[in-house]
C-alpha atoms as a PDB file:
ATOM      1  CA  MET A   1     -69.065 -52.205 -22.746  1.00  0.00           C
ATOM      2  CA  ALA A   2     -68.648 -53.231 -19.111  1.00  0.00           C
ATOM      3  CA  LYS A   3     -65.351 -54.849 -20.017  1.00  0.00           C
ATOM      4  CA  GLN A   4     -64.319 -51.643 -21.748  1.00  0.00           C
ATOM      5  CA  ASN A   5     -65.410 -49.639 -18.715  1.00  0.00           C
ATOM      6  CA  ASN A   6     -63.552 -52.058 -16.446  1.00  0.00           C
ATOM      7  CA  LYS A   7     -60.524 -51.802 -18.681  1.00  0.00           C
ATOM      8  CA  GLN A   8     -60.839 -48.028 -18.674  1.00  0.00           C
ATOM      9  CA  ALA A   9     -61.368 -48.052 -14.914  1.00  0.00           C
ATOM     10  CA  ARG A  10     -58.383 -50.300 -14.444  1.00  0.00           C
ATOM     11  CA  THR A  11     -56.378 -48.084 -16.694  1.00  0.00           C
ATOM     12  CA  THR A  12     -57.416 -45.050 -14.722  1.00  0.00           C
ATOM     13  CA  VAL A  13     -56.594 -46.791 -11.442  1.00  0.00           C
ATOM     14  CA  ASP A  14     -53.300 -47.928 -12.872  1.00  0.00           C
ATOM     15  CA  GLU A  15     -52.536 -44.394 -13.954  1.00  0.00           C
ATOM     16  CA  VAL A  16     -53.479 -43.095 -10.525  1.00  0.00           C
ATOM     17  CA  ASN A  17     -51.354 -45.780  -8.926  1.00  0.00           C
ATOM     18  CA  GLU A  18     -48.530 -44.958 -11.250  1.00  0.00           C
ATOM     19  CA  THR A  19     -48.946 -41.296 -10.373  1.00  0.00           C
ATOM     20  CA  LEU A  20     -49.032 -42.111  -6.672  1.00  0.00           C
ATOM     21  CA  THR A  21     -46.038 -44.378  -7.081  1.00  0.00           C
ATOM     22  CA  SER A  22     -44.261 -41.616  -8.949  1.00  0.00           C
ATOM     23  CA  TRP A  23     -45.052 -39.051  -6.224  1.00  0.00           C
ATOM     24  CA  GLU A  24     -44.130 -41.512  -3.486  1.00  0.00           C
ATOM     25  CA  GLN A  25     -40.833 -42.129  -5.216  1.00  0.00           C
ATOM     26  CA  LYS A  26     -40.244 -38.390  -5.530  1.00  0.00           C
ATOM     27  CA  LEU A  27     -41.116 -37.919  -1.871  1.00  0.00           C
ATOM     28  CA  GLU A  28     -38.819 -40.785  -0.961  1.00  0.00           C
ATOM     29  CA  ASN A  29     -36.078 -39.281  -3.065  1.00  0.00           C
ATOM     30  CA  ASN A  30     -36.706 -35.883  -1.471  1.00  0.00           C
ATOM     31  CA  ARG A  31     -36.765 -37.488   1.973  1.00  0.00           C
ATOM     32  CA  LYS A  32     -33.402 -39.100   1.277  1.00  0.00           C
ATOM     33  CA  LEU A  33     -32.137 -35.795  -0.059  1.00  0.00           C
ATOM     34  CA  ILE A  34     -33.448 -33.943   3.001  1.00  0.00           C
ATOM     35  CA  TYR A  35     -32.040 -36.556   5.359  1.00  0.00           C
ATOM     36  CA  GLY A  36     -28.775 -36.412   3.487  1.00  0.00           C
ATOM     37  CA  GLY A  37     -28.784 -32.619   3.703  1.00  0.00           C
ATOM     38  CA  VAL A  38     -29.639 -32.695   7.390  1.00  0.00           C
ATOM     39  CA  GLY A  39     -26.922 -35.274   7.910  1.00  0.00           C
ATOM     40  CA  ALA A  40     -24.441 -33.054   6.119  1.00  0.00           C
ATOM     41  CA  ILE A  41     -25.518 -30.040   8.206  1.00  0.00           C
ATOM     42  CA  VAL A  42     -25.217 -32.068  11.407  1.00  0.00           C
ATOM     43  CA  ALA A  43     -21.771 -33.208  10.296  1.00  0.00           C
ATOM     44  CA  VAL A  44     -20.739 -29.599   9.613  1.00  0.00           C
ATOM     45  CA  PHE A  45     -22.025 -28.430  13.002  1.00  0.00           C
ATOM     46  CA  ALA A  46     -20.240 -31.326  14.676  1.00  0.00           C
ATOM     47  CA  ALA A  47     -17.010 -30.428  12.897  1.00  0.00           C
ATOM     48  CA  VAL A  48     -17.390 -26.763  13.893  1.00  0.00           C
ATOM     49  CA  ALA A  49     -18.109 -27.753  17.497  1.00  0.00           C
ATOM     50  CA  ILE A  50     -15.017 -29.954  17.572  1.00  0.00           C
ATOM     51  CA  PHE A  51     -12.946 -27.150  16.002  1.00  0.00           C
ATOM     52  CA  ILE A  52     -14.187 -24.633  18.594  1.00  0.00           C
ATOM     53  CA  MET A  53     -13.534 -27.072  21.423  1.00  0.00           C
ATOM     54  CA  VAL A  54     -10.014 -27.819  20.179  1.00  0.00           C
ATOM     55  CA  ARG A  55      -9.374 -24.126  19.545  1.00  0.00           C
ATOM     56  CA  ASN A  56     -10.627 -23.167  22.997  1.00  0.00           C
ATOM     57  CA  ASN A  57      -8.467 -25.858  24.559  1.00  0.00           C
ATOM     58  CA  GLY A  58      -5.502 -24.602  22.544  1.00  0.00           C
ATOM     59  CA  MET A  59      -6.216 -21.020  23.597  1.00  0.00           C
ATOM     60  CA  GLN A  60      -6.387 -22.045  27.241  1.00  0.00           C
ATOM     61  CA  ASP A  61      -3.156 -24.029  27.003  1.00  0.00           C
ATOM     62  CA  ALA A  62      -1.416 -21.058  25.384  1.00  0.00           C
ATOM     63  CA  GLN A  63      -2.754 -18.696  28.059  1.00  0.00           C
ATOM     64  CA  ASN A  64      -1.552 -21.067  30.777  1.00  0.00           C
ATOM     65  CA  MET A  65       1.918 -21.015  29.240  1.00  0.00           C
ATOM     66  CA  VAL A  66       1.939 -17.208  29.239  1.00  0.00           C
ATOM     67  CA  ASN A  67       0.732 -17.131  32.849  1.00  0.00           C
ATOM     68  CA  LYS A  68       3.523 -19.515  33.794  1.00  0.00           C
ATOM     69  CA  ALA A  69       6.030 -17.317  31.943  1.00  0.00           C
ATOM     70  CA  ASP A  70       4.764 -14.298  33.900  1.00  0.00           C
ATOM     71  CA  MET A  71       5.478 -16.138  37.145  1.00  0.00           C
ATOM     72  CA  GLU A  72       8.920 -17.186  35.936  1.00  0.00           C
ATOM     73  CA  TYR A  73       9.708 -13.582  35.037  1.00  0.00           C
ATOM     74  CA  VAL A  74       8.451 -12.168  38.336  1.00  0.00           C
ATOM     75  CA  THR A  75      10.029 -14.772  40.605  1.00  0.00           C
ATOM     76  CA  LYS A  76      13.220 -15.707  38.753  1.00  0.00           C
ATOM     77  CA  GLY A  77      14.115 -12.693  36.640  1.00  0.00           C
ATOM     78  CA  ASP A  78      14.915 -11.913  33.019  1.00  0.00           C
ATOM     79  CA  SER A  79      16.684 -15.107  31.940  1.00  0.00           C
ATOM     80  CA  ALA A  80      14.025 -17.511  33.193  1.00  0.00           C
ATOM     81  CA  GLY A  81      11.246 -15.216  32.017  1.00  0.00           C
ATOM     82  CA  LEU A  82      12.767 -14.853  28.562  1.00  0.00           C
ATOM     83  CA  ALA A  83      13.063 -18.611  28.088  1.00  0.00           C
ATOM     84  CA  ALA A  84       9.456 -19.148  29.182  1.00  0.00           C
ATOM     85  CA  TYR A  85       8.113 -16.301  27.043  1.00  0.00           C
ATOM     86  CA  LYS A  86       9.972 -17.565  23.975  1.00  0.00           C
ATOM     87  CA  LYS A  87       8.458 -21.006  24.461  1.00  0.00           C
ATOM     88  CA  ALA A  88       4.965 -19.543  24.836  1.00  0.00           C
ATOM     89  CA  ALA A  89       5.505 -17.323  21.785  1.00  0.00           C
ATOM     90  CA  ASN A  90       5.830 -20.427  19.600  1.00  0.00           C
ATOM     91  CA  GLU A  91       2.170 -21.297  20.153  1.00  0.00           C
ATOM     92  CA  SER A  92      -0.282 -20.533  17.335  1.00  0.00           C
ATOM     93  CA  TYR A  93      -2.925 -18.812  19.461  1.00  0.00           C
ATOM     94  CA  ALA A  94      -3.520 -15.173  20.434  1.00  0.00           C
ATOM     95  CA  PRO A  95      -1.827 -15.321  23.882  1.00  0.00           C
ATOM     96  CA  ALA A  96       1.432 -16.126  22.080  1.00  0.00           C
ATOM     97  CA  ASN A  97       1.513 -12.540  20.813  1.00  0.00           C
ATOM     98  CA  ARG A  98       1.760 -11.129  24.333  1.00  0.00           C
ATOM     99  CA  ALA A  99       4.481 -13.663  25.091  1.00  0.00           C
ATOM    100  CA  ALA A 100       6.382 -12.436  22.026  1.00  0.00           C
ATOM    101  CA  GLN A 101       5.992  -8.827  23.150  1.00  0.00           C
ATOM    102  CA  MET A 102       7.268  -9.620  26.648  1.00  0.00           C
ATOM    103  CA  ALA A 103      10.208 -11.591  25.264  1.00  0.00           C
ATOM    104  CA  ALA A 104      11.023  -8.726  22.894  1.00  0.00           C
ATOM    105  CA  THR A 105      10.901  -6.255  25.797  1.00  0.00           C
ATOM    106  CA  ILE A 106      13.469  -8.301  27.716  1.00  0.00           C
ATOM    107  CA  LEU A 107      15.636  -8.667  24.609  1.00  0.00           C
ATOM    108  CA  TYR A 108      15.451  -4.904  24.079  1.00  0.00           C
ATOM    109  CA  LYS A 109      16.680  -4.350  27.637  1.00  0.00           C
ATOM    110  CA  GLN A 110      19.536  -6.743  26.849  1.00  0.00           C
ATOM    111  CA  LYS A 111      20.288  -4.755  23.662  1.00  0.00           C
ATOM    112  CA  LYS A 112      19.546  -7.793  21.510  1.00  0.00           C
ATOM    113  CA  TYR A 113      17.665  -5.748  18.961  1.00  0.00           C
ATOM    114  CA  ASP A 114      17.783  -8.194  16.055  1.00  0.00           C
ATOM    115  CA  GLU A 115      16.168 -10.944  18.122  1.00  0.00           C
ATOM    116  CA  ALA A 116      13.550  -8.534  19.417  1.00  0.00           C
ATOM    117  CA  ILE A 117      12.745  -7.368  15.879  1.00  0.00           C
ATOM    118  CA  GLN A 118      12.402 -10.954  14.681  1.00  0.00           C
ATOM    119  CA  LEU A 119       9.913 -11.761  17.435  1.00  0.00           C
ATOM    120  CA  LEU A 120       7.879  -8.599  16.960  1.00  0.00           C
ATOM    121  CA  GLU A 121       7.700  -8.817  13.178  1.00  0.00           C
ATOM    122  CA  GLY A 122       6.659 -12.461  13.392  1.00  0.00           C
ATOM    123  CA  SER A 123       3.691 -11.705  15.623  1.00  0.00           C
ATOM    124  CA  SER A 124       0.366  -9.893  15.341  1.00  0.00           C
ATOM    125  CA  PHE A 125      -0.621  -7.120  17.729  1.00  0.00           C
ATOM    126  CA  ASN A 126      -4.088  -5.599  17.946  1.00  0.00           C
ATOM    127  CA  GLY A 127      -5.920  -3.234  20.245  1.00  0.00           C
ATOM    128  CA  LYS A 128      -5.276   0.340  21.303  1.00  0.00           C
ATOM    129  CA  ILE A 129      -2.769  -0.592  24.003  1.00  0.00           C
ATOM    130  CA  MET A 130      -0.961  -3.787  23.083  1.00  0.00           C
ATOM    131  CA  GLY A 131      -0.843  -2.932  19.373  1.00  0.00           C
ATOM    132  CA  PRO A 132       0.774   0.509  19.558  1.00  0.00           C
ATOM    133  CA  ALA A 133       3.021  -0.517  22.464  1.00  0.00           C
ATOM    134  CA  ALA A 134       4.467  -3.396  20.424  1.00  0.00           C
ATOM    135  CA  GLN A 135       4.737  -1.255  17.293  1.00  0.00           C
ATOM    136  CA  SER A 136       6.524   1.462  19.261  1.00  0.00           C
ATOM    137  CA  LEU A 137       8.911  -1.104  20.743  1.00  0.00           C
ATOM    138  CA  LEU A 138       9.695  -2.294  17.223  1.00  0.00           C
ATOM    139  CA  ALA A 139      10.426   1.304  16.228  1.00  0.00           C
ATOM    140  CA  ASP A 140      12.676   1.687  19.291  1.00  0.00           C
ATOM    141  CA  CYS A 141      14.648  -1.345  18.144  1.00  0.00           C
ATOM    142  CA  TYR A 142      15.123   0.187  14.705  1.00  0.00           C
ATOM    143  CA  VAL A 143      16.275   3.459  16.263  1.00  0.00           C
ATOM    144  CA  ASN A 144      19.000   1.558  18.092  1.00  0.00           C
ATOM    145  CA  LYS A 145      19.893  -0.162  14.830  1.00  0.00           C
ATOM    146  CA  LYS A 146      20.131   3.337  13.291  1.00  0.00           C
ATOM    147  CA  ASN A 147      17.511   2.367  10.733  1.00  0.00           C
ATOM    148  CA  TYR A 148      15.620   5.618  11.127  1.00  0.00           C
ATOM    149  CA  ASP A 149      13.298   5.245   8.147  1.00  0.00           C
ATOM    150  CA  LYS A 150      11.883   2.000   9.524  1.00  0.00           C
ATOM    151  CA  ALA A 151      11.720   3.544  12.970  1.00  0.00           C
ATOM    152  CA  ILE A 152       9.615   6.460  11.699  1.00  0.00           C
ATOM    153  CA  SER A 153       7.403   4.091   9.701  1.00  0.00           C
ATOM    154  CA  ASN A 154       6.679   1.986  12.777  1.00  0.00           C
ATOM    155  CA  TYR A 155       6.095   5.023  14.984  1.00  0.00           C
ATOM    156  CA  ASP A 156       3.521   6.171  12.434  1.00  0.00           C
ATOM    157  CA  LYS A 157       1.788   2.790  12.612  1.00  0.00           C
ATOM    158  CA  ALA A 158       1.835   2.935  16.406  1.00  0.00           C
ATOM    159  CA  ILE A 159       0.366   6.454  16.430  1.00  0.00           C
ATOM    160  CA  LYS A 160      -2.402   5.385  14.063  1.00  0.00           C
ATOM    161  CA  GLN A 161      -3.222   2.347  16.205  1.00  0.00           C
ATOM    162  CA  ALA A 162      -3.198   4.328  19.442  1.00  0.00           C
ATOM    163  CA  GLY A 163      -5.565   6.959  18.053  1.00  0.00           C
ATOM    164  CA  ASP A 164      -6.711   9.385  20.743  1.00  0.00           C
ATOM    165  CA  ASN A 165      -5.173   7.421  23.620  1.00  0.00           C
ATOM    166  CA  GLU A 166      -3.770  10.213  25.795  1.00  0.00           C
ATOM    167  CA  SER A 167      -1.564   7.811  27.737  1.00  0.00           C
ATOM    168  CA  LEU A 168       0.261   6.427  24.713  1.00  0.00           C
ATOM    169  CA  THR A 169      -0.067   8.581  21.619  1.00  0.00           C
ATOM    170  CA  PRO A 170       1.771  11.717  22.869  1.00  0.00           C
ATOM    171  CA  ILE A 171       4.677   9.573  24.096  1.00  0.00           C
ATOM    172  CA  ILE A 172       4.994   7.835  20.730  1.00  0.00           C
ATOM    173  CA  MET A 173       4.700  11.153  18.902  1.00  0.00           C
ATOM    174  CA  LYS A 174       7.485  12.557  21.081  1.00  0.00           C
ATOM    175  CA  LYS A 175       9.705   9.599  20.180  1.00  0.00           C
ATOM    176  CA  LYS A 176       9.018  10.171  16.499  1.00  0.00           C
ATOM    177  CA  ALA A 177       9.820  13.880  16.810  1.00  0.00           C
ATOM    178  CA  THR A 178      13.074  13.055  18.616  1.00  0.00           C
ATOM    179  CA  VAL A 179      14.198  10.869  15.706  1.00  0.00           C
ATOM    180  CA  LEU A 180      13.172  13.548  13.212  1.00  0.00           C
ATOM    181  CA  HIS A 181      15.253  16.094  15.126  1.00  0.00           C
ATOM    182  CA  ALA A 182      18.263  13.755  15.197  1.00  0.00           C
ATOM    183  CA  THR A 183      17.988  13.270  11.434  1.00  0.00           C
ATOM    184  CA  LYS A 184      17.625  17.048  10.913  1.00  0.00           C
ATOM    185  CA  LYS A 185      14.102  16.848   9.510  1.00  0.00           C
ATOM    186  CA  TYR A 186      13.065  19.935  11.413  1.00  0.00           C
ATOM    187  CA  ASP A 187       9.933  20.769   9.424  1.00  0.00           C
ATOM    188  CA  ASP A 188       8.550  17.295  10.083  1.00  0.00           C
ATOM    189  CA  GLU A 189       9.593  17.535  13.720  1.00  0.00           C
ATOM    190  CA  LEU A 190       7.771  20.849  14.078  1.00  0.00           C
ATOM    191  CA  ALA A 191       4.633  19.388  12.498  1.00  0.00           C
ATOM    192  CA  VAL A 192       4.601  16.564  15.058  1.00  0.00           C
ATOM    193  CA  TYR A 193       4.985  18.942  18.008  1.00  0.00           C
ATOM    194  CA  GLU A 194       2.257  21.244  16.723  1.00  0.00           C
ATOM    195  CA  ALA A 195      -0.041  18.245  16.262  1.00  0.00           C
ATOM    196  CA  MET A 196       0.680  17.199  19.847  1.00  0.00           C
ATOM    197  CA  LYS A 197      -0.208  20.665  21.112  1.00  0.00           C
ATOM    198  CA  THR A 198      -3.472  20.660  19.160  1.00  0.00           C
ATOM    199  CA  GLN A 199      -4.565  17.085  19.829  1.00  0.00           C
ATOM    200  CA  PHE A 200      -3.343  16.572  23.392  1.00  0.00           C
ATOM    201  CA  PRO A 201      -3.225  19.992  25.080  1.00  0.00           C
ATOM    202  CA  ARG A 202      -4.145  18.671  28.533  1.00  0.00           C
ATOM    203  CA  THR A 203      -1.489  15.965  28.739  1.00  0.00           C
ATOM    204  CA  ALA A 204       1.834  16.527  30.498  1.00  0.00           C
ATOM    205  CA  LEU A 205       3.680  16.537  27.184  1.00  0.00           C
ATOM    206  CA  GLY A 206       1.079  18.722  25.509  1.00  0.00           C
ATOM    207  CA  MET A 207       1.273  21.378  28.220  1.00  0.00           C
ATOM    208  CA  ASN A 208       5.072  21.549  27.988  1.00  0.00           C
ATOM    209  CA  ILE A 209       5.478  21.269  24.237  1.00  0.00           C
ATOM    210  CA  ASP A 210       6.154  24.948  23.464  1.00  0.00           C
ATOM    211  CA  LYS A 211       9.873  24.690  24.228  1.00  0.00           C
ATOM    212  CA  TYR A 212      10.203  21.867  21.710  1.00  0.00           C
ATOM    213  CA  ILE A 213       8.262  23.846  19.129  1.00  0.00           C
ATOM    214  CA  GLU A 214      10.644  26.770  19.600  1.00  0.00           C
ATOM    215  CA  ARG A 215      13.649  24.466  19.349  1.00  0.00           C
ATOM    216  CA  ALA A 216      12.388  22.995  16.076  1.00  0.00           C
ATOM    217  CA  LYS A 217      11.758  26.481  14.673  1.00  0.00           C
ATOM    218  CA  ALA A 218      15.214  27.652  15.730  1.00  0.00           C
ATOM    219  CA  SER A 219      16.850  24.617  14.127  1.00  0.00           C
ATOM    220  CA  LYS A 220      15.401  25.294  10.675  1.00  0.00           C
END
């Protein structure tokens, strides 16, 4: 009976040990899994940190190139500035967009509209100042190329980007209306002038818009 009890006791102990061993193994497996997961997370954070560091360094390098181009433009004139801005525009960071806009502005002054269009359409412009200014410049290029449909389309984009900016929006709207008048779309021209009067009555253009409204009405 004692032997049976001992056997039963041993069996019970063995079972407990087996259970403990099983739980220890599960814990060990979980520990390895957790460590592996933590290791993976650490690796991800390290990769992100390296990416941010490289990106920040790239951003700073691009900004330095644009700053240098600004100095070239101010001290040496259009040709030197254009070359420096074009070089900076080839970078793949945000400051390159301003470089592209500056290069396009110089090219526009030089009546090199195709080159200016290529630079502007290959870049990205955001914000309520830089965005609409670049979009309006693109429209100006298309006006000089006599591609009036694209000009109007880009003026519309510029107006939308500028929103309620009293310094920019009325000027862009006036440009759009001028093209509409030249293409004899007098109803559309009138609508733009009336919108200017309603939306921007206190601006210089808004306060002197009545004569243009009358001209558009008389042209119909």
